[in-house]
C-alpha atoms as a PDB file:
ATOM      1  CA  UNK A   1      10.058 -69.047 -27.769  1.00  0.00           C
ATOM      2  CA  UNK A   2       8.982 -66.600 -30.392  1.00  0.00           C
ATOM      3  CA  UNK A   3      11.099 -63.552 -30.969  1.00  0.00           C
ATOM      4  CA  UNK A   4       9.443 -60.167 -31.160  1.00  0.00           C
ATOM      5  CA  UNK A   5      11.102 -57.187 -32.781  1.00  0.00           C
ATOM      6  CA  UNK A   6      10.407 -53.778 -31.279  1.00  0.00           C
ATOM      7  CA  UNK A   7       9.433 -51.232 -33.888  1.00  0.00           C
ATOM      8  CA  UNK A   8      10.815 -47.748 -33.199  1.00  0.00           C
ATOM      9  CA  UNK A   9       8.134 -45.151 -32.615  1.00  0.00           C
ATOM     10  CA  UNK A  10       8.463 -41.854 -34.367  1.00  0.00           C
ATOM     11  CA  UNK A  11       7.014 -38.652 -33.014  1.00  0.00           C
ATOM     12  CA  UNK A  12       6.413 -35.604 -35.099  1.00  0.00           C
ATOM     13  CA  UNK A  13       7.180 -32.285 -33.424  1.00  0.00           C
ATOM     14  CA  UNK A  14       4.469 -29.693 -33.896  1.00  0.00           C
ATOM     15  CA  UNK A  15       5.184 -27.198 -36.570  1.00  0.00           C
ATOM     16  CA  UNK A  16       6.380 -23.912 -35.128  1.00  0.00           C
ATOM     17  CA  UNK A  17       3.803 -21.168 -35.091  1.00  0.00           C
ATOM     18  CA  UNK A  18       4.789 -18.126 -37.042  1.00  0.00           C
ATOM     19  CA  UNK A  19       4.026 -15.183 -34.824  1.00  0.00           C
ATOM     20  CA  UNK A  20       5.175 -12.050 -33.060  1.00  0.00           C
ATOM     21  CA  UNK A  21       5.345 -11.115 -29.349  1.00  0.00           C
ATOM     22  CA  UNK A  22       5.080  -7.497 -28.259  1.00  0.00           C
ATOM     23  CA  UNK A  23       4.650  -5.472 -25.085  1.00  0.00           C
ATOM     24  CA  UNK A  24       2.054  -2.726 -24.865  1.00  0.00           C
ATOM     25  CA  UNK A  25       2.116   0.017 -22.239  1.00  0.00           C
ATOM     26  CA  UNK A  26      -0.249   2.729 -21.128  1.00  0.00           C
ATOM     27  CA  UNK A  27      -0.743   5.151 -18.254  1.00  0.00           C
ATOM     28  CA  UNK A  28      -4.100   6.375 -17.013  1.00  0.00           C
ATOM     29  CA  UNK A  29      -3.844   9.543 -14.937  1.00  0.00           C
ATOM     30  CA  UNK A  30      -6.637  10.491 -12.545  1.00  0.00           C
ATOM     31  CA  UNK A  31      -6.800  13.373 -10.099  1.00  0.00           C
ATOM     32  CA  UNK A  32      -7.295  12.085  -6.513  1.00  0.00           C
ATOM     33  CA  UNK A  33     -10.714  12.739  -5.068  1.00  0.00           C
ATOM     34  CA  UNK A  34      -9.946  11.931  -1.426  1.00  0.00           C
ATOM     35  CA  UNK A  35      -7.088  11.150   0.931  1.00  0.00           C
ATOM     36  CA  UNK A  36      -6.947   8.873   3.937  1.00  0.00           C
ATOM     37  CA  UNK A  37      -4.529   8.534   6.847  1.00  0.00           C
ATOM     38  CA  UNK A  38      -4.366   7.100  10.379  1.00  0.00           C
ATOM     39  CA  UNK A  39      -3.690   8.949  13.610  1.00  0.00           C
ATOM     40  CA  UNK A  40      -2.888   7.569  17.058  1.00  0.00           C
ATOM     41  CA  UNK A  41      -3.887   9.281  20.301  1.00  0.00           C
ATOM     42  CA  UNK A  42      -2.246   8.103  23.541  1.00  0.00           C
ATOM     43  CA  UNK A  43      -2.860   9.105  27.168  1.00  0.00           C
ATOM     44  CA  UNK A  44      -1.235   7.771  30.358  1.00  0.00           C
ATOM     45  CA  UNK A  45      -2.508   7.839  33.923  1.00  0.00           C
ATOM     46  CA  UNK A  46      -2.111   5.932  37.225  1.00  0.00           C
ATOM     47  CA  UNK A  47      -5.514   4.237  36.719  1.00  0.00           C
ATOM     48  CA  UNK A  48      -7.297   2.774  33.714  1.00  0.00           C
ATOM     49  CA  UNK A  49     -10.359   4.968  34.234  1.00  0.00           C
ATOM     50  CA  UNK A  50      -8.262   8.140  34.294  1.00  0.00           C
ATOM     51  CA  UNK A  51      -6.297   7.044  31.213  1.00  0.00           C
ATOM     52  CA  UNK A  52      -9.551   6.511  29.293  1.00  0.00           C
ATOM     53  CA  UNK A  53     -10.924   9.882  30.403  1.00  0.00           C
ATOM     54  CA  UNK A  54      -7.730  11.657  29.369  1.00  0.00           C
ATOM     55  CA  UNK A  55      -7.717   9.851  26.033  1.00  0.00           C
ATOM     56  CA  UNK A  56     -11.336  10.816  25.398  1.00  0.00           C
ATOM     57  CA  UNK A  57     -10.554  14.456  26.172  1.00  0.00           C
ATOM     58  CA  UNK A  58      -7.543  14.416  23.871  1.00  0.00           C
ATOM     59  CA  UNK A  59      -9.557  12.713  21.112  1.00  0.00           C
ATOM     60  CA  UNK A  60     -12.197  15.415  21.407  1.00  0.00           C
ATOM     61  CA  UNK A  61      -9.530  18.112  20.988  1.00  0.00           C
ATOM     62  CA  UNK A  62      -8.180  16.371  17.880  1.00  0.00           C
ATOM     63  CA  UNK A  63     -11.682  16.043  16.426  1.00  0.00           C
ATOM     64  CA  UNK A  64     -12.422  19.719  17.015  1.00  0.00           C
ATOM     65  CA  UNK A  65      -9.212  20.711  15.236  1.00  0.00           C
ATOM     66  CA  UNK A  66     -10.082  18.505  12.249  1.00  0.00           C
ATOM     67  CA  UNK A  67     -13.738  19.536  12.060  1.00  0.00           C
ATOM     68  CA  UNK A  68     -12.694  23.189  12.009  1.00  0.00           C
ATOM     69  CA  UNK A  69     -10.865  22.513   8.724  1.00  0.00           C
ATOM     70  CA  UNK A  70     -13.866  21.110   6.901  1.00  0.00           C
ATOM     71  CA  UNK A  71     -13.658  17.375   7.674  1.00  0.00           C
ATOM     72  CA  UNK A  72     -17.084  15.863   8.327  1.00  0.00           C
ATOM     73  CA  UNK A  73     -17.887  13.878  11.469  1.00  0.00           C
ATOM     74  CA  UNK A  74     -18.651  10.617   9.559  1.00  0.00           C
ATOM     75  CA  UNK A  75     -15.189  10.866   7.956  1.00  0.00           C
ATOM     76  CA  UNK A  76     -13.503  10.229  11.331  1.00  0.00           C
ATOM     77  CA  UNK A  77     -13.785   6.641  12.521  1.00  0.00           C
ATOM     78  CA  UNK A  78     -12.244   5.017  15.580  1.00  0.00           C
ATOM     79  CA  UNK A  79     -10.880   1.646  14.484  1.00  0.00           C
ATOM     80  CA  UNK A  80      -9.296   0.510  17.765  1.00  0.00           C
ATOM     81  CA  UNK A  81      -9.186   1.489  21.439  1.00  0.00           C
ATOM     82  CA  UNK A  82      -6.748  -0.350  23.701  1.00  0.00           C
ATOM     83  CA  UNK A  83      -5.752  -0.039  27.353  1.00  0.00           C
ATOM     84  CA  UNK A  84      -2.457  -1.489  28.539  1.00  0.00           C
ATOM     85  CA  UNK A  85      -1.083  -1.725  32.068  1.00  0.00           C
ATOM     86  CA  UNK A  86       2.649  -1.359  32.569  1.00  0.00           C
ATOM     87  CA  UNK A  87       4.326  -2.185  35.855  1.00  0.00           C
ATOM     88  CA  UNK A  88       7.958  -2.182  36.975  1.00  0.00           C
ATOM     89  CA  UNK A  89       9.047  -4.184  40.054  1.00  0.00           C
ATOM     90  CA  UNK A  90      10.561  -2.243  42.921  1.00  0.00           C
ATOM     91  CA  UNK A  91      14.320  -2.783  43.379  1.00  0.00           C
ATOM     92  CA  UNK A  92      15.187  -4.736  46.517  1.00  0.00           C
ATOM     93  CA  UNK A  93      17.694  -3.251  48.915  1.00  0.00           C
ATOM     94  CA  UNK A  94      21.149  -4.689  48.299  1.00  0.00           C
ATOM     95  CA  UNK A  95      23.138  -6.007  51.325  1.00  0.00           C
ATOM     96  CA  UNK A  96      26.096  -4.013  52.528  1.00  0.00           C
ATOM     97  CA  UNK A  97      29.499  -4.799  51.102  1.00  0.00           C
ATOM     98  CA  UNK A  98      31.004  -7.958  52.631  1.00  0.00           C
ATOM     99  CA  UNK A  99      27.757  -9.046  54.253  1.00  0.00           C
ATOM    100  CA  UNK A 100      25.777 -12.111  53.214  1.00  0.00           C
ATOM    101  CA  UNK A 101      22.048 -11.891  52.800  1.00  0.00           C
ATOM    102  CA  UNK A 102      20.063 -13.436  55.621  1.00  0.00           C
ATOM    103  CA  UNK A 103      18.403 -16.767  54.961  1.00  0.00           C
ATOM    104  CA  UNK A 104      14.718 -16.531  54.410  1.00  0.00           C
ATOM    105  CA  UNK A 105      14.843 -12.860  53.542  1.00  0.00           C
ATOM    106  CA  UNK A 106      14.402 -13.416  49.793  1.00  0.00           C
ATOM    107  CA  UNK A 107      10.909 -13.038  48.443  1.00  0.00           C
ATOM    108  CA  UNK A 108       8.981 -11.942  45.382  1.00  0.00           C
ATOM    109  CA  UNK A 109       9.597  -8.316  44.416  1.00  0.00           C
ATOM    110  CA  UNK A 110       6.914  -5.837  45.231  1.00  0.00           C
ATOM    111  CA  UNK A 111       5.001  -4.390  42.277  1.00  0.00           C
ATOM    112  CA  UNK A 112       5.049  -0.611  42.171  1.00  0.00           C
ATOM    113  CA  UNK A 113       5.068   2.299  39.755  1.00  0.00           C
ATOM    114  CA  UNK A 114       1.949   1.180  37.898  1.00  0.00           C
ATOM    115  CA  UNK A 115       0.719   3.080  34.834  1.00  0.00           C
ATOM    116  CA  UNK A 116      -2.078   2.642  32.287  1.00  0.00           C
ATOM    117  CA  UNK A 117      -1.820   3.668  28.633  1.00  0.00           C
ATOM    118  CA  UNK A 118      -4.981   4.219  26.583  1.00  0.00           C
ATOM    119  CA  UNK A 119      -4.464   4.300  22.823  1.00  0.00           C
ATOM    120  CA  UNK A 120      -7.123   5.308  20.301  1.00  0.00           C
ATOM    121  CA  UNK A 121      -6.523   4.934  16.556  1.00  0.00           C
ATOM    122  CA  UNK A 122      -8.620   6.967  14.140  1.00  0.00           C
ATOM    123  CA  UNK A 123      -9.059   6.747  10.388  1.00  0.00           C
ATOM    124  CA  UNK A 124      -9.492  10.172   8.808  1.00  0.00           C
ATOM    125  CA  UNK A 125     -10.924  10.624   5.314  1.00  0.00           C
ATOM    126  CA  UNK A 126     -10.237  14.006   3.703  1.00  0.00           C
ATOM    127  CA  UNK A 127     -12.525  14.887   0.791  1.00  0.00           C
ATOM    128  CA  UNK A 128     -10.260  17.758  -0.276  1.00  0.00           C
ATOM    129  CA  UNK A 129      -6.843  16.159  -0.950  1.00  0.00           C
ATOM    130  CA  UNK A 130      -5.187  19.562  -1.321  1.00  0.00           C
ATOM    131  CA  UNK A 131      -5.816  20.254   2.394  1.00  0.00           C
ATOM    132  CA  UNK A 132      -4.159  17.090   3.717  1.00  0.00           C
ATOM    133  CA  UNK A 133      -0.993  18.913   4.778  1.00  0.00           C
ATOM    134  CA  UNK A 134      -2.964  21.581   6.611  1.00  0.00           C
ATOM    135  CA  UNK A 135      -5.021  18.981   8.451  1.00  0.00           C
ATOM    136  CA  UNK A 136      -1.958  16.939   9.408  1.00  0.00           C
ATOM    137  CA  UNK A 137      -0.304  20.048  10.866  1.00  0.00           C
ATOM    138  CA  UNK A 138      -3.402  20.696  12.984  1.00  0.00           C
ATOM    139  CA  UNK A 139      -3.411  17.078  14.202  1.00  0.00           C
ATOM    140  CA  UNK A 140       0.268  17.247  15.149  1.00  0.00           C
ATOM    141  CA  UNK A 141      -0.294  20.426  17.189  1.00  0.00           C
ATOM    142  CA  UNK A 142      -2.784  18.554  19.376  1.00  0.00           C
ATOM    143  CA  UNK A 143      -0.148  15.944  20.274  1.00  0.00           C
ATOM    144  CA  UNK A 144      -1.461  13.076  18.121  1.00  0.00           C
ATOM    145  CA  UNK A 145       0.812  10.914  15.963  1.00  0.00           C
ATOM    146  CA  UNK A 146       0.460  10.190  12.252  1.00  0.00           C
ATOM    147  CA  UNK A 147       0.668   6.444  11.530  1.00  0.00           C
ATOM    148  CA  UNK A 148       2.045   5.501   8.124  1.00  0.00           C
ATOM    149  CA  UNK A 149       1.612   7.597   5.004  1.00  0.00           C
ATOM    150  CA  UNK A 150      -1.293   9.041   3.057  1.00  0.00           C
ATOM    151  CA  UNK A 151      -3.514   6.963   0.790  1.00  0.00           C
ATOM    152  CA  UNK A 152      -4.960   8.927  -2.129  1.00  0.00           C
ATOM    153  CA  UNK A 153      -8.057   7.467  -3.763  1.00  0.00           C
ATOM    154  CA  UNK A 154     -10.564   7.950  -6.564  1.00  0.00           C
ATOM    155  CA  UNK A 155     -14.233   7.058  -6.474  1.00  0.00           C
ATOM    156  CA  UNK A 156     -14.142   4.626  -9.425  1.00  0.00           C
ATOM    157  CA  UNK A 157     -10.725   3.011  -9.318  1.00  0.00           C
ATOM    158  CA  UNK A 158     -11.901  -0.039 -11.288  1.00  0.00           C
ATOM    159  CA  UNK A 159     -12.764   2.161 -14.272  1.00  0.00           C
ATOM    160  CA  UNK A 160      -9.277   3.702 -14.228  1.00  0.00           C
ATOM    161  CA  UNK A 161      -7.671   0.244 -14.190  1.00  0.00           C
ATOM    162  CA  UNK A 162      -9.848  -0.978 -17.058  1.00  0.00           C
ATOM    163  CA  UNK A 163      -9.031   2.096 -19.118  1.00  0.00           C
ATOM    164  CA  UNK A 164      -5.293   1.579 -18.585  1.00  0.00           C
ATOM    165  CA  UNK A 165      -5.487  -2.105 -19.558  1.00  0.00           C
ATOM    166  CA  UNK A 166      -7.571  -1.352 -22.648  1.00  0.00           C
ATOM    167  CA  UNK A 167      -5.087   1.274 -23.809  1.00  0.00           C
ATOM    168  CA  UNK A 168      -2.152  -1.072 -23.183  1.00  0.00           C
ATOM    169  CA  UNK A 169      -3.882  -3.800 -25.194  1.00  0.00           C
ATOM    170  CA  UNK A 170      -4.420  -1.416 -28.114  1.00  0.00           C
ATOM    171  CA  UNK A 171      -0.779  -0.354 -27.891  1.00  0.00           C
ATOM    172  CA  UNK A 172       0.322  -3.996 -28.086  1.00  0.00           C
ATOM    173  CA  UNK A 173      -1.904  -4.614 -31.116  1.00  0.00           C
ATOM    174  CA  UNK A 174      -0.567  -1.520 -32.892  1.00  0.00           C
ATOM    175  CA  UNK A 175       3.029  -2.589 -32.291  1.00  0.00           C
ATOM    176  CA  UNK A 176       2.299  -6.088 -33.580  1.00  0.00           C
ATOM    177  CA  UNK A 177       0.696  -4.705 -36.759  1.00  0.00           C
ATOM    178  CA  UNK A 178       3.717  -2.466 -37.359  1.00  0.00           C
ATOM    179  CA  UNK A 179       6.164  -5.361 -37.000  1.00  0.00           C
ATOM    180  CA  UNK A 180       4.002  -7.637 -39.156  1.00  0.00           C
ATOM    181  CA  UNK A 181       3.752  -5.060 -41.933  1.00  0.00           C
ATOM    182  CA  UNK A 182       7.533  -4.644 -41.959  1.00  0.00           C
ATOM    183  CA  UNK A 183       7.874  -8.341 -42.790  1.00  0.00           C
ATOM    184  CA  UNK A 184       5.044  -8.431 -45.321  1.00  0.00           C
ATOM    185  CA  UNK A 185       2.607 -10.198 -42.987  1.00  0.00           C
ATOM    186  CA  UNK A 186      -0.625  -9.425 -41.215  1.00  0.00           C
ATOM    187  CA  UNK A 187      -1.616  -9.930 -37.595  1.00  0.00           C
ATOM    188  CA  UNK A 188      -3.899 -12.854 -36.873  1.00  0.00           C
ATOM    189  CA  UNK A 189      -5.548 -14.105 -33.707  1.00  0.00           C
ATOM    190  CA  UNK A 190      -3.804 -13.620 -30.347  1.00  0.00           C
ATOM    191  CA  UNK A 191      -2.089 -16.730 -28.980  1.00  0.00           C
ATOM    192  CA  UNK A 192      -1.298 -15.595 -25.427  1.00  0.00           C
ATOM    193  CA  UNK A 193      -1.854 -12.428 -23.396  1.00  0.00           C
ATOM    194  CA  UNK A 194      -0.579 -11.512 -19.924  1.00  0.00           C
ATOM    195  CA  UNK A 195      -1.071  -8.276 -18.048  1.00  0.00           C
ATOM    196  CA  UNK A 196       0.299  -6.343 -15.117  1.00  0.00           C
ATOM    197  CA  UNK A 197      -0.955  -3.096 -13.635  1.00  0.00           C
ATOM    198  CA  UNK A 198       0.556  -0.843 -10.976  1.00  0.00           C
ATOM    199  CA  UNK A 199      -1.195   2.000  -9.168  1.00  0.00           C
ATOM    200  CA  UNK A 200       1.080   4.677  -7.741  1.00  0.00           C
ATOM    201  CA  UNK A 201       1.276   8.337  -6.870  1.00  0.00           C
ATOM    202  CA  UNK A 202       3.873   9.692  -9.246  1.00  0.00           C
ATOM    203  CA  UNK A 203       6.232   6.709  -9.101  1.00  0.00           C
ATOM    204  CA  UNK A 204       5.918   5.930 -12.809  1.00  0.00           C
ATOM    205  CA  UNK A 205       6.913   9.423 -13.835  1.00  0.00           C
ATOM    206  CA  UNK A 206       9.849   9.435 -11.420  1.00  0.00           C
ATOM    207  CA  UNK A 207      11.136   6.113 -12.754  1.00  0.00           C
ATOM    208  CA  UNK A 208      10.764   7.122 -16.371  1.00  0.00           C
ATOM    209  CA  UNK A 209      12.657  10.360 -15.787  1.00  0.00           C
ATOM    210  CA  UNK A 210      15.514   8.284 -14.323  1.00  0.00           C
ATOM    211  CA  UNK A 211      15.375   5.499 -16.930  1.00  0.00           C
ATOM    212  CA  UNK A 212      13.854   7.100 -20.043  1.00  0.00           C
ATOM    213  CA  UNK A 213      14.431   4.053 -22.257  1.00  0.00           C
ATOM    214  CA  UNK A 214      12.973   1.500 -19.838  1.00  0.00           C
ATOM    215  CA  UNK A 215       9.354   2.522 -20.410  1.00  0.00           C
ATOM    216  CA  UNK A 216       7.140   3.146 -23.366  1.00  0.00           C
ATOM    217  CA  UNK A 217       5.417   6.261 -24.535  1.00  0.00           C
ATOM    218  CA  UNK A 218       2.672   8.008 -22.657  1.00  0.00           C
ATOM    219  CA  UNK A 219       4.374   8.925 -19.414  1.00  0.00           C
ATOM    220  CA  UNK A 220       2.562  11.593 -17.389  1.00  0.00           C
ATOM    221  CA  UNK A 221       3.923  15.105 -17.337  1.00  0.00           C
ATOM    222  CA  UNK A 222       1.979  16.432 -14.378  1.00  0.00           C
ATOM    223  CA  UNK A 223       2.971  15.509 -10.825  1.00  0.00           C
ATOM    224  CA  UNK A 224       0.494  14.950  -8.009  1.00  0.00           C
ATOM    225  CA  UNK A 225      -1.909  12.671  -9.874  1.00  0.00           C
ATOM    226  CA  UNK A 226      -2.739   9.033  -9.352  1.00  0.00           C
ATOM    227  CA  UNK A 227      -1.177   6.891 -12.056  1.00  0.00           C
ATOM    228  CA  UNK A 228      -2.359   3.487 -13.242  1.00  0.00           C
ATOM    229  CA  UNK A 229       0.413   1.951 -15.312  1.00  0.00           C
ATOM    230  CA  UNK A 230      -0.614  -1.100 -17.364  1.00  0.00           C
ATOM    231  CA  UNK A 231       1.777  -3.449 -19.162  1.00  0.00           C
ATOM    232  CA  UNK A 232       0.453  -6.113 -21.544  1.00  0.00           C
ATOM    233  CA  UNK A 233       2.544  -8.860 -23.160  1.00  0.00           C
ATOM    234  CA  UNK A 234       0.765 -10.349 -26.185  1.00  0.00           C
ATOM    235  CA  UNK A 235       1.650 -12.943 -28.830  1.00  0.00           C
ATOM    236  CA  UNK A 236      -0.138 -12.888 -32.189  1.00  0.00           C
ATOM    237  CA  UNK A 237      -0.160 -15.246 -35.163  1.00  0.00           C
ATOM    238  CA  UNK A 238       1.150 -13.953 -38.447  1.00  0.00           C
ATOM    239  CA  UNK A 239      -0.881 -14.652 -41.538  1.00  0.00           C
END
């Protein structure tokens, strides 16, 4: 038999890329143009028809209170209307102490104390965000419940996000150029870029006031505005 010698294979590791990795940050502040919240209106009655009538009457009272404060009719939308029936079985009479129940006397419990609950959930859009508190107070006085919190919005949210990302990208590039110049190099093409953006209502400013060294420059100084915080991690070649 012929003998074969195995030749060792050599692999060459790729040459390390000389580069720099930085993090760019930016905040885009936009005044809210509208606010949205949900309200729940509930009415109970012995019959389903009466529960629906009572709920409709209560919904009309809520709508009148909201319309009186400047909210338009199209800005109130009913998103769900449910009717539930709740029953509790009547308690059977217990036998006297020391007496055994008679055979054949057991049977299914009678159903009594019926009630119907009609629940209507409305979405309310307020075009004047400064009046949200006033409108909520009026809703609460009518007996309705506020579901969840408020959602503040702008008309062109995509533009605000793009502006925040663009500013964060420029901030990353400027940081990379500063670090490159300190080592006698120049910034080349980007190797990798990742981004993250958070939309909040004052959360960025609150966090930065608590941890001032955890965030970059450009924190908002005015409360009550929508904030779009963008964070970009970028790696550049050095030439």
